[in-house]
Amino acid sequence: DQKISHDVASGVIQMTVDHFTRANEGTYTVQINDGKAKTQSSLVLVGDAFKAALKEAEFQRKEHIRKQGPHFSDYLDFTVSEDCTVMLTCKVANVKKDTSFHWYKEDDEIVPESPPNVMSGACALPLPLFSRKDQGVYKAVLSDDKGKDTSVFDISGQVFDDIINAIARNAGASASELVMQCTPEGIRLQCYMNYYTEEMKTVWKHKESKIASSEKMRIGGTAEMAWMQICDPSDKEKGHYAIEISDGVTTHTRTFDLSGQAYTDAYEEYLRLKAAAFAEKNRGRVVGGLPDVVTIMEDKSLSLTCTVWGEPTPEVTWFKNEQEVASNEHTRVTFDGGKFASLVINKVTTDDSGKYSINVRNKYGGEFVEITVSVYRHGEPIPEPKLGQPKTATPAAQPVLPKSPAPSKTPTPSKPQTPAQSMKSPTPASTPTSTPAPKSPTPAPKSPTPPRSVKSPTPPRFMKSPTPPRK
């Protein structure tokens, strides 16, 4: 168990204890005697000093055994890439091709898109769009016929805060200047960055006062940006705005001056979008019931019926091959309760084949829906229907959009279609961008482009009839 050696060249006298245990607690003394003189030195290895030595000995023994097989030379830790992806990283040693490597979270295995390559000496698990959902105990397990090793990493508490601060450091450095975006609900200020999550320490300010999220001032964000929306703005909301992103060491600040001409232009754009959204919500439309094509045998009766909607109640006009259909004994046109529109043809003939369409519209606009009708004779094979190309029938005189909608609270459409302005402080930019306006604001994409043709949120066969001009 014990080996004693003396190196004359170095002068080192050494005693090695192969298996250091509790039995080795005590005082150790070495005596030197050369015949002329004698000296000695003692080491008191009891109490706390012994416990520390025993703990270190047991650790080194385990490390020696661990390193006989595949093992972690660097245990799990985290890094944050420039695009704010969190990576759990480790280094491995004494591995071979058939050494297996597995990732776990709370004992459930994680299978990454790219299998770990132990022969590279390093393995990493990406955690994109990191947020509170990623908290938990992660584990990496390395094994083969020579042995097994495990590394555990607990993402919670201070470790979680450290990761969020590291993300905020990269995101804050990448943050754009504040950009203004008008919506049908108000004026939104947006700050684009590599990644945003609500766990980051961000503060919005108006004239140096911290803004609390409320119905008037809504605060939110997406993975691409942080935003603050001023709903139904008034002169009180004019002034200097700022967002502050803190990473625990540095505060990254971006600002916008919403006053003067910038506020005037934004307020006018907001009113225009509000009116356009109201019109889009309330225009005449077909909400269901019509097929694309109808194939029918002669002498049968054809009934085209659909549900329409609009506020105020829309007018309904039917067309055949772009000519208005009049109600008579053969063809009956009805519109019941301001809701159900029907075109009924009694005992169809081949002359009734053609392209039919319905135009539903009120003062806020409307749309066309087309139906292709094919009539075949007794004994003939059923023809393959061919869809007609959409073609807008000539509408009546264009109504004018009212300057301001009657209701004080504007209903929000599910899919607004009017392009909105995006601008940087202090003057507006000229590039239009498309702005969504759901009940809870949803940020616009970074580089949206207005659609070439505005369509209602209905199947492609529907054509929106001309939108009333802006006055």
Protein backbone atom coordinates (compact mmCIF):
# COMPACT_ATOMS: atom_id res chain seq x y z
CA ASP A 1 0.00 0.00 0.00
CA GLN A 2 2.87 2.38 0.72
CA LYS A 3 6.00 3.09 -1.31
CA ILE A 4 8.87 5.23 -0.04
CA SER A 5 11.46 6.70 -2.46
CA HIS A 6 14.32 9.19 -2.37
CA ASP A 7 15.60 11.06 -5.43
CA VAL A 8 19.16 12.19 -4.64
CA ALA A 9 19.35 14.51 -7.66
CA SER A 10 16.26 16.49 -6.75
CA GLY A 11 16.44 15.91 -3.01
CA VAL A 12 12.83 14.79 -2.88
CA ILE A 13 11.80 12.14 -0.36
CA GLN A 14 8.39 10.71 -1.18
CA MET A 15 5.91 8.25 0.31
CA THR A 16 3.09 7.07 -1.97
CA VAL A 17 -0.14 5.68 -0.51
CA ASP A 18 -1.80 3.62 -3.26
CA HIS A 19 -5.25 3.45 -1.69
CA PHE A 20 -5.87 6.45 0.56
CA THR A 21 -8.83 5.79 2.94
CA ARG A 22 -10.16 6.85 6.33
CA ALA A 23 -7.62 4.51 7.92
CA ASN A 24 -4.83 6.82 6.73
CA GLU A 25 -5.82 9.70 9.03
CA GLY A 26 -2.97 10.64 11.41
CA THR A 27 0.41 12.36 11.76
CA TYR A 28 3.20 11.47 9.28
CA THR A 29 6.85 12.11 10.17
CA VAL A 30 10.02 11.74 8.09
CA GLN A 31 13.45 11.49 9.82
CA ILE A 32 16.79 12.10 8.07
CA ASN A 33 20.04 10.82 9.61
CA ASP A 34 23.43 10.89 7.85
CA GLY A 35 25.52 9.67 10.78
CA LYS A 36 26.59 13.15 11.84
CA ALA A 37 23.26 14.83 12.37
CA LYS A 38 19.58 14.00 12.52
CA THR A 39 16.45 16.04 11.56
CA GLN A 40 12.77 15.38 11.08
CA SER A 41 9.58 16.92 9.61
CA SER A 42 5.95 16.10 10.43
CA LEU A 43 2.63 16.46 8.61
CA VAL A 44 -0.51 16.45 10.76
CA LEU A 45 -3.19 14.93 8.54
CA VAL A 46 -6.25 14.95 10.79
CA GLY A 47 -9.61 16.72 10.95
CA ASP A 48 -10.49 19.11 8.10
CA ALA A 49 -7.06 18.77 6.48
CA PHE A 50 -7.51 14.99 6.24
CA LYS A 51 -11.09 15.32 4.94
CA ALA A 52 -9.89 17.65 2.16
CA ALA A 53 -7.09 15.26 1.21
CA LEU A 54 -9.46 12.27 1.23
CA LYS A 55 -12.01 14.09 -0.92
CA GLU A 56 -9.36 15.05 -3.47
CA ALA A 57 -7.98 11.50 -3.51
CA GLU A 58 -11.43 10.00 -4.13
CA PHE A 59 -12.12 12.55 -6.90
CA GLN A 60 -8.81 11.83 -8.67
CA ARG A 61 -9.41 8.08 -8.36
CA LYS A 62 -12.83 8.45 -10.01
CA GLU A 63 -11.35 10.70 -12.69
CA HIS A 64 -8.67 8.11 -13.43
CA ILE A 65 -11.29 5.36 -13.79
CA ARG A 66 -13.59 7.64 -15.87
CA LYS A 67 -10.81 8.49 -18.30
CA GLN A 68 -10.11 4.82 -19.05
CA GLY A 69 -13.25 4.89 -21.27
CA PRO A 70 -14.98 7.54 -23.41
CA HIS A 71 -15.36 10.71 -21.33
CA PHE A 72 -16.12 14.42 -21.35
CA SER A 73 -12.94 16.46 -21.43
CA ASP A 74 -15.13 19.61 -21.13
CA TYR A 75 -18.52 19.21 -19.47
CA LEU A 76 -21.72 20.85 -20.79
CA ASP A 77 -21.80 24.61 -20.97
CA PHE A 78 -23.55 27.17 -23.19
CA THR A 79 -22.61 29.66 -25.89
CA VAL A 80 -24.81 32.14 -27.77
CA SER A 81 -24.20 32.61 -31.50
CA GLU A 82 -24.43 35.93 -33.32
CA ASP A 83 -27.96 35.13 -34.49
CA CYS A 84 -28.90 34.51 -30.81
CA THR A 85 -29.16 30.72 -31.09
CA VAL A 86 -28.23 29.12 -27.74
CA MET A 87 -25.87 26.14 -28.08
CA LEU A 88 -25.21 23.55 -25.37
CA THR A 89 -21.61 22.49 -25.98
CA CYS A 90 -19.17 19.87 -24.68
CA LYS A 91 -15.88 18.21 -25.64
CA VAL A 92 -15.25 14.45 -25.62
CA ALA A 93 -12.13 12.29 -25.50
CA ASN A 94 -11.01 8.64 -25.75
CA VAL A 95 -13.86 7.88 -28.17
CA LYS A 96 -14.11 5.60 -31.19
CA LYS A 97 -16.47 5.24 -34.15
CA ASP A 98 -19.00 3.05 -32.31
CA THR A 99 -19.13 5.31 -29.24
CA SER A 100 -22.75 6.43 -28.82
CA PHE A 101 -23.82 9.93 -27.77
CA HIS A 102 -27.34 10.85 -26.65
CA TRP A 103 -29.03 14.10 -25.55
CA TYR A 104 -31.80 14.23 -22.92
CA LYS A 105 -34.04 16.84 -21.32
CA GLU A 106 -35.76 15.77 -18.09
CA ASP A 107 -34.86 12.15 -19.07
CA ASP A 108 -36.70 12.43 -22.42
CA GLU A 109 -34.34 11.87 -25.34
CA ILE A 110 -33.76 14.73 -27.77
CA VAL A 111 -32.98 13.75 -31.36
CA PRO A 112 -31.24 16.68 -33.11
CA GLU A 113 -31.49 17.22 -36.88
CA SER A 114 -27.74 16.62 -37.23
CA PRO A 115 -26.55 13.46 -35.41
CA PRO A 116 -23.65 14.07 -32.96
CA ASN A 117 -20.20 13.36 -34.43
CA VAL A 118 -18.11 12.15 -31.49
CA MET A 119 -15.03 11.70 -33.68
CA SER A 120 -14.86 15.49 -34.12
CA GLY A 121 -14.12 15.81 -30.41
CA ALA A 122 -16.99 18.26 -29.80
CA CYS A 123 -20.80 18.01 -29.71
CA ALA A 124 -23.41 20.78 -29.60
CA LEU A 125 -27.19 20.94 -29.18
CA PRO A 126 -28.85 24.07 -30.66
CA LEU A 127 -31.75 25.66 -28.75
CA PRO A 128 -33.17 28.15 -31.29
CA LEU A 129 -35.67 30.83 -30.24
CA PHE A 130 -34.64 30.30 -26.63
CA SER A 131 -37.17 31.32 -23.97
CA ARG A 132 -38.70 30.20 -20.66
CA LYS A 133 -39.96 27.01 -22.36
CA ASP A 134 -36.33 25.77 -22.58
CA GLN A 135 -35.75 25.70 -18.82
CA GLY A 136 -34.96 22.24 -17.41
CA VAL A 137 -32.23 19.69 -16.73
CA TYR A 138 -30.26 18.65 -19.83
CA LYS A 139 -28.02 15.60 -19.96
CA ALA A 140 -25.45 14.24 -22.41
CA VAL A 141 -24.52 10.53 -22.21
CA LEU A 142 -21.41 8.99 -23.82
CA SER A 143 -20.92 5.21 -23.87
CA ASP A 144 -19.20 2.25 -25.49
CA ASP A 145 -17.75 -1.12 -24.40
CA LYS A 146 -14.96 0.66 -22.46
CA GLY A 147 -17.28 2.64 -20.23
CA LYS A 148 -19.85 5.39 -19.85
CA ASP A 149 -19.80 9.06 -18.88
CA THR A 150 -22.55 11.62 -18.22
CA SER A 151 -22.68 15.42 -18.15
CA VAL A 152 -25.63 17.30 -16.61
CA PHE A 153 -26.57 20.97 -17.17
CA ASP A 154 -29.42 22.62 -15.23
CA ILE A 155 -30.93 25.58 -17.10
CA SER A 156 -32.72 27.47 -14.34
CA GLY A 157 -32.12 30.28 -11.86
CA GLN A 158 -28.86 32.14 -12.43
CA VAL A 159 -27.87 29.98 -15.43
CA PHE A 160 -31.13 30.92 -17.18
CA ASP A 161 -30.56 34.61 -16.38
CA ASP A 162 -27.00 34.39 -17.72
CA ILE A 163 -28.25 32.91 -21.02
CA ILE A 164 -30.94 35.60 -21.39
CA ASN A 165 -28.34 38.32 -20.74
CA ALA A 166 -26.03 36.78 -23.35
CA ILE A 167 -28.91 36.81 -25.86
CA ALA A 168 -29.74 40.42 -24.94
CA ARG A 169 -26.08 41.39 -25.51
CA ASN A 170 -26.21 40.14 -29.12
CA ALA A 171 -29.79 41.29 -29.76
CA GLY A 172 -29.22 44.75 -28.26
CA ALA A 173 -26.09 45.28 -30.37
CA SER A 174 -28.05 44.30 -33.51
CA ALA A 175 -31.12 46.46 -32.72
CA SER A 176 -32.31 48.84 -35.46
CA GLU A 177 -33.46 52.37 -34.86
CA LEU A 178 -37.14 52.58 -33.96
CA VAL A 179 -39.42 52.45 -37.01
CA MET A 180 -42.98 53.74 -37.09
CA GLN A 181 -45.77 51.62 -38.59
CA CYS A 182 -49.35 52.85 -38.87
CA THR A 183 -52.18 50.33 -38.41
CA PRO A 184 -55.99 50.57 -38.36
CA GLU A 185 -55.75 50.52 -34.54
CA GLY A 186 -53.11 53.21 -34.06
CA ILE A 187 -49.40 53.98 -34.37
CA ARG A 188 -46.86 51.25 -33.70
CA LEU A 189 -43.14 51.72 -32.95
CA GLN A 190 -40.98 48.73 -33.89
CA CYS A 191 -37.38 47.79 -33.08
CA TYR A 192 -35.94 45.02 -35.27
CA MET A 193 -33.16 42.83 -33.87
CA ASN A 194 -31.54 39.41 -34.42
CA TYR A 195 -33.88 37.89 -31.86
CA TYR A 196 -36.41 39.15 -29.33
CA THR A 197 -38.05 37.28 -26.45
CA GLU A 198 -40.13 38.73 -23.65
CA GLU A 199 -37.72 37.34 -21.04
CA MET A 200 -35.16 39.96 -22.12
CA LYS A 201 -35.04 43.04 -19.88
CA THR A 202 -36.61 45.69 -22.12
CA VAL A 203 -38.18 48.98 -21.06
CA TRP A 204 -40.23 51.38 -23.22
CA LYS A 205 -40.24 55.07 -22.30
CA HIS A 206 -42.28 58.13 -23.30
CA LYS A 207 -40.68 61.46 -22.36
CA GLU A 208 -38.37 59.60 -19.92
CA SER A 209 -41.33 57.92 -18.12
CA LYS A 210 -41.58 54.13 -18.17
CA ILE A 211 -44.59 52.82 -20.13
CA ALA A 212 -46.70 50.06 -18.60
CA SER A 213 -48.53 47.79 -21.05
CA SER A 214 -52.24 48.69 -21.16
CA GLU A 215 -55.20 48.89 -23.56
CA LYS A 216 -53.91 52.31 -24.63
CA MET A 217 -50.20 51.40 -24.87
CA ARG A 218 -49.75 47.74 -25.86
CA ILE A 219 -46.29 46.20 -25.55
CA GLY A 220 -45.32 42.97 -27.30
CA GLY A 221 -43.05 41.44 -29.89
CA THR A 222 -42.18 38.61 -32.25
CA ALA A 223 -38.93 36.68 -32.72
CA GLU A 224 -37.82 39.47 -35.10
CA MET A 225 -38.78 42.60 -33.21
CA ALA A 226 -40.06 44.33 -30.10
CA TRP A 227 -43.04 46.68 -30.61
CA MET A 228 -45.15 49.18 -28.71
CA GLN A 229 -48.54 50.22 -30.09
CA ILE A 230 -50.34 53.48 -29.28
CA CYS A 231 -54.03 52.67 -29.75
CA ASP A 232 -56.39 55.43 -30.92
CA PRO A 233 -53.65 58.10 -30.57
CA SER A 234 -54.22 61.68 -29.43
CA ASP A 235 -52.03 64.75 -28.91
CA LYS A 236 -51.11 63.46 -25.44
CA GLU A 237 -49.11 60.67 -27.07
CA LYS A 238 -46.85 63.04 -28.99
CA GLY A 239 -43.21 63.23 -27.94
CA HIS A 240 -39.98 61.32 -27.61
CA TYR A 241 -40.04 57.50 -27.32
CA ALA A 242 -37.25 55.08 -26.46
CA ILE A 243 -36.67 51.37 -25.96
CA GLU A 244 -33.92 50.23 -23.59
CA ILE A 245 -32.53 46.67 -23.85
CA SER A 246 -30.37 45.64 -20.87
CA ASP A 247 -27.91 42.73 -20.90
CA GLY A 248 -26.87 42.98 -17.24
CA VAL A 249 -23.86 45.14 -18.09
CA THR A 250 -24.81 47.46 -20.95
CA THR A 251 -28.08 49.19 -21.83
CA HIS A 252 -28.78 49.46 -25.58
CA THR A 253 -31.12 52.40 -26.34
CA ARG A 254 -33.03 53.23 -29.55
CA THR A 255 -35.28 56.26 -29.96
CA PHE A 256 -38.01 57.89 -32.06
CA ASP A 257 -39.40 61.45 -32.01
CA LEU A 258 -43.16 61.26 -32.58
CA SER A 259 -43.95 64.94 -32.85
CA GLY A 260 -44.36 67.69 -35.42
CA GLN A 261 -44.88 66.59 -39.02
CA ALA A 262 -44.05 62.95 -38.17
CA TYR A 263 -47.05 62.79 -35.82
CA THR A 264 -49.36 64.69 -38.21
CA ASP A 265 -48.55 62.36 -41.12
CA ALA A 266 -48.86 59.25 -38.93
CA TYR A 267 -52.23 60.34 -37.52
CA GLU A 268 -53.64 60.98 -41.01
CA GLU A 269 -52.40 57.57 -42.18
CA TYR A 270 -53.96 55.90 -39.12
CA LEU A 271 -57.35 57.53 -39.88
CA ARG A 272 -57.13 56.40 -43.53
CA LEU A 273 -56.30 52.82 -42.52
CA LYS A 274 -59.05 52.83 -39.91
CA ALA A 275 -61.63 53.89 -42.52
CA ALA A 276 -60.27 51.37 -45.06
CA ALA A 277 -60.38 48.56 -42.48
CA PHE A 278 -63.94 49.50 -41.59
CA ALA A 279 -64.88 49.41 -45.28
CA GLU A 280 -63.17 46.04 -45.77
CA LYS A 281 -65.00 44.65 -42.75
CA ASN A 282 -68.42 45.89 -43.88
CA ARG A 283 -68.35 45.63 -47.71
CA GLY A 284 -70.70 43.28 -49.53
CA ARG A 285 -69.47 39.74 -49.98
CA VAL A 286 -70.53 36.17 -50.64
CA VAL A 287 -69.90 34.13 -47.51
CA GLY A 288 -70.67 30.69 -48.92
CA GLY A 289 -72.90 28.34 -50.85
CA LEU A 290 -71.84 28.60 -54.51
CA PRO A 291 -69.94 25.91 -56.49
CA ASP A 292 -67.24 26.62 -59.07
CA VAL A 293 -68.96 24.58 -61.76
CA VAL A 294 -72.37 22.98 -62.32
CA THR A 295 -73.07 20.15 -64.82
CA ILE A 296 -76.80 19.48 -65.29
CA MET A 297 -79.04 17.48 -67.67
CA GLU A 298 -81.64 19.38 -69.71
CA ASP A 299 -85.19 19.72 -68.35
CA LYS A 300 -83.90 19.64 -64.75
CA SER A 301 -84.24 22.73 -62.54
CA LEU A 302 -81.09 24.59 -61.53
CA SER A 303 -80.89 26.54 -58.26
CA LEU A 304 -77.86 28.71 -57.48
CA THR A 305 -78.23 29.91 -53.89
CA CYS A 306 -75.71 31.63 -51.62
CA THR A 307 -75.48 33.54 -48.36
CA VAL A 308 -74.34 37.16 -48.66
CA TRP A 309 -73.30 39.70 -46.05
CA GLY A 310 -72.65 43.42 -45.81
CA GLU A 311 -73.39 46.39 -43.57
CA PRO A 312 -75.49 48.10 -44.83
CA THR A 313 -77.35 45.28 -46.62
CA PRO A 314 -75.76 44.90 -50.06
CA GLU A 315 -77.41 44.99 -53.48
CA VAL A 316 -77.29 41.73 -55.47
CA THR A 317 -77.09 41.47 -59.26
CA TRP A 318 -76.79 38.27 -61.34
CA PHE A 319 -75.11 38.14 -64.76
CA LYS A 320 -74.98 35.57 -67.57
CA ASN A 321 -72.07 35.99 -69.97
CA GLU A 322 -71.68 39.54 -68.59
CA GLN A 323 -75.29 40.50 -69.31
CA GLU A 324 -77.58 41.22 -66.39
CA VAL A 325 -80.16 38.50 -65.72
CA ALA A 326 -83.78 39.70 -65.43
CA SER A 327 -86.37 37.78 -63.39
CA ASN A 328 -89.03 36.07 -65.60
CA GLU A 329 -90.98 32.82 -65.86
CA HIS A 330 -87.93 30.83 -66.99
CA THR A 331 -85.38 32.49 -64.72
CA ARG A 332 -86.33 33.64 -61.23
CA VAL A 333 -84.06 35.95 -59.17
CA THR A 334 -84.76 36.33 -55.43
CA PHE A 335 -83.06 38.00 -52.45
CA ASP A 336 -84.60 37.05 -49.08
CA GLY A 337 -84.06 38.84 -45.78
CA GLY A 338 -81.00 40.67 -47.02
CA LYS A 339 -79.13 37.40 -46.59
CA PHE A 340 -80.04 34.68 -49.12
CA ALA A 341 -79.59 35.31 -52.87
CA SER A 342 -80.93 32.81 -55.42
CA LEU A 343 -81.02 32.31 -59.19
CA VAL A 344 -83.46 29.52 -60.16
CA ILE A 345 -83.79 28.30 -63.79
CA ASN A 346 -86.81 26.09 -64.49
CA LYS A 347 -86.31 23.24 -66.98
CA VAL A 348 -82.85 24.16 -68.26
CA THR A 349 -81.95 23.89 -71.94
CA THR A 350 -78.58 23.91 -73.66
CA ASP A 351 -79.10 27.65 -74.19
CA ASP A 352 -78.74 28.09 -70.44
CA SER A 353 -75.10 26.92 -70.55
CA GLY A 354 -72.63 29.70 -69.90
CA LYS A 355 -70.70 31.70 -67.36
CA TYR A 356 -72.86 33.08 -64.56
CA SER A 357 -71.74 35.56 -61.93
CA ILE A 358 -73.14 37.34 -58.91
CA ASN A 359 -72.16 40.87 -57.87
CA VAL A 360 -72.73 41.69 -54.20
CA ARG A 361 -71.94 45.25 -53.15
CA ASN A 362 -72.80 48.14 -50.87
CA LYS A 363 -71.34 51.63 -50.39
CA TYR A 364 -68.12 50.14 -48.98
CA GLY A 365 -67.42 47.85 -51.95
CA GLY A 366 -68.20 44.26 -52.88
CA GLU A 367 -67.14 41.26 -54.93
CA PHE A 368 -68.00 38.96 -57.85
CA VAL A 369 -68.28 35.18 -57.77
CA GLU A 370 -68.37 33.17 -60.99
CA ILE A 371 -70.05 29.81 -61.74
CA THR A 372 -69.67 27.87 -65.00
CA VAL A 373 -72.90 26.04 -65.98
CA SER A 374 -72.84 23.19 -68.52
CA VAL A 375 -76.18 21.70 -69.73
CA TYR A 376 -76.10 18.37 -71.62
CA ARG A 377 -78.87 16.49 -73.51
CA HIS A 378 -80.46 13.13 -72.62
CA GLY A 379 -78.22 10.25 -73.68
CA GLU A 380 -75.11 12.44 -74.12
CA PRO A 381 -72.00 11.77 -72.00
CA ILE A 382 -71.60 14.21 -69.11
CA PRO A 383 -69.29 16.97 -70.40
CA GLU A 384 -66.04 17.91 -68.71
CA PRO A 385 -66.69 21.36 -67.25
CA LYS A 386 -64.25 24.12 -68.17
CA LEU A 387 -63.80 26.97 -65.77
CA GLY A 388 -64.28 30.39 -67.34
CA GLN A 389 -61.64 33.04 -66.79
CA PRO A 390 -62.64 35.58 -64.12
CA LYS A 391 -63.86 38.75 -65.70
CA THR A 392 -65.34 41.68 -63.84
CA ALA A 393 -68.83 42.66 -64.90
CA THR A 394 -69.44 46.34 -65.35
CA PRO A 395 -70.63 47.69 -62.00
CA ALA A 396 -72.97 50.57 -61.33
CA ALA A 397 -71.73 54.04 -60.54
CA GLN A 398 -68.86 54.03 -58.07
CA PRO A 399 -69.91 54.94 -54.52
CA VAL A 400 -67.71 57.23 -52.46
CA LEU A 401 -66.12 56.11 -49.19
CA PRO A 402 -67.34 58.37 -46.39
CA LYS A 403 -64.74 60.63 -44.83
CA SER A 404 -65.15 59.06 -41.39
CA PRO A 405 -67.07 55.90 -40.49
CA ALA A 406 -70.15 56.31 -38.33
CA PRO A 407 -69.27 54.01 -35.42
CA SER A 408 -66.84 55.38 -32.87
CA LYS A 409 -65.23 51.98 -32.36
CA THR A 410 -64.00 50.47 -35.60
CA PRO A 411 -64.38 46.70 -36.02
CA THR A 412 -61.10 45.18 -37.11
CA PRO A 413 -61.07 43.04 -40.28
CA SER A 414 -59.54 39.61 -40.26
CA LYS A 415 -57.34 40.48 -43.22
CA PRO A 416 -56.92 44.18 -43.96
CA GLN A 417 -55.78 44.96 -47.47
CA THR A 418 -54.78 48.59 -47.50
CA PRO A 419 -51.05 49.33 -47.61
CA ALA A 420 -49.74 51.39 -44.70
CA GLN A 421 -46.84 53.75 -44.26
CA SER A 422 -43.61 52.82 -42.53
CA MET A 423 -41.28 55.60 -41.51
CA LYS A 424 -38.20 56.41 -39.50
CA SER A 425 -37.81 59.39 -37.17
CA PRO A 426 -38.35 62.22 -37.84
CA THR A 427 -39.66 62.19 -41.44
CA PRO A 428 -41.85 59.52 -43.08
CA ALA A 429 -40.39 57.16 -45.65
CA SER A 430 -42.15 56.90 -48.99
CA THR A 431 -42.09 53.09 -49.24
CA PRO A 432 -45.53 51.57 -48.55
CA THR A 433 -45.72 48.40 -46.51
CA SER A 434 -48.59 46.04 -45.87
CA THR A 435 -49.90 46.18 -42.31
CA PRO A 436 -51.94 43.50 -40.57
CA ALA A 437 -54.48 44.61 -37.98
CA PRO A 438 -55.78 41.81 -35.83
CA LYS A 439 -57.36 42.49 -32.41
CA SER A 440 -53.96 41.89 -30.84
CA PRO A 441 -51.45 43.64 -33.09
CA THR A 442 -49.32 41.34 -35.14
CA PRO A 443 -46.09 42.92 -36.36
CA ALA A 444 -45.53 43.45 -40.05
CA PRO A 445 -42.72 41.57 -41.84
CA LYS A 446 -39.36 43.28 -42.27
CA SER A 447 -39.69 44.00 -45.97
CA PRO A 448 -43.34 43.55 -46.89
CA THR A 449 -44.60 44.52 -50.32
CA PRO A 450 -48.13 45.61 -51.12
CA PRO A 451 -50.15 43.04 -53.10
CA ARG A 452 -50.57 43.63 -56.83
CA SER A 453 -54.31 43.22 -56.59
CA VAL A 454 -56.38 43.46 -53.49
CA LYS A 455 -58.53 40.39 -52.87
CA SER A 456 -61.12 39.64 -50.28
CA PRO A 457 -60.30 36.81 -47.84
CA THR A 458 -62.21 34.22 -49.89
CA PRO A 459 -61.29 31.41 -52.35
CA PRO A 460 -59.34 32.41 -55.51
CA ARG A 461 -62.41 32.18 -57.74
CA PHE A 462 -63.87 35.23 -55.98
CA MET A 463 -63.11 38.61 -57.45
CA LYS A 464 -63.46 41.71 -55.40
CA SER A 465 -65.45 44.35 -57.24
CA PRO A 466 -63.90 47.81 -57.55
CA THR A 467 -63.07 49.43 -54.22
CA PRO A 468 -64.67 52.81 -53.65
CA PRO A 469 -62.21 55.66 -54.30
CA ARG A 470 -60.65 57.57 -51.46
CA LYS A 471 -61.97 61.08 -51.11
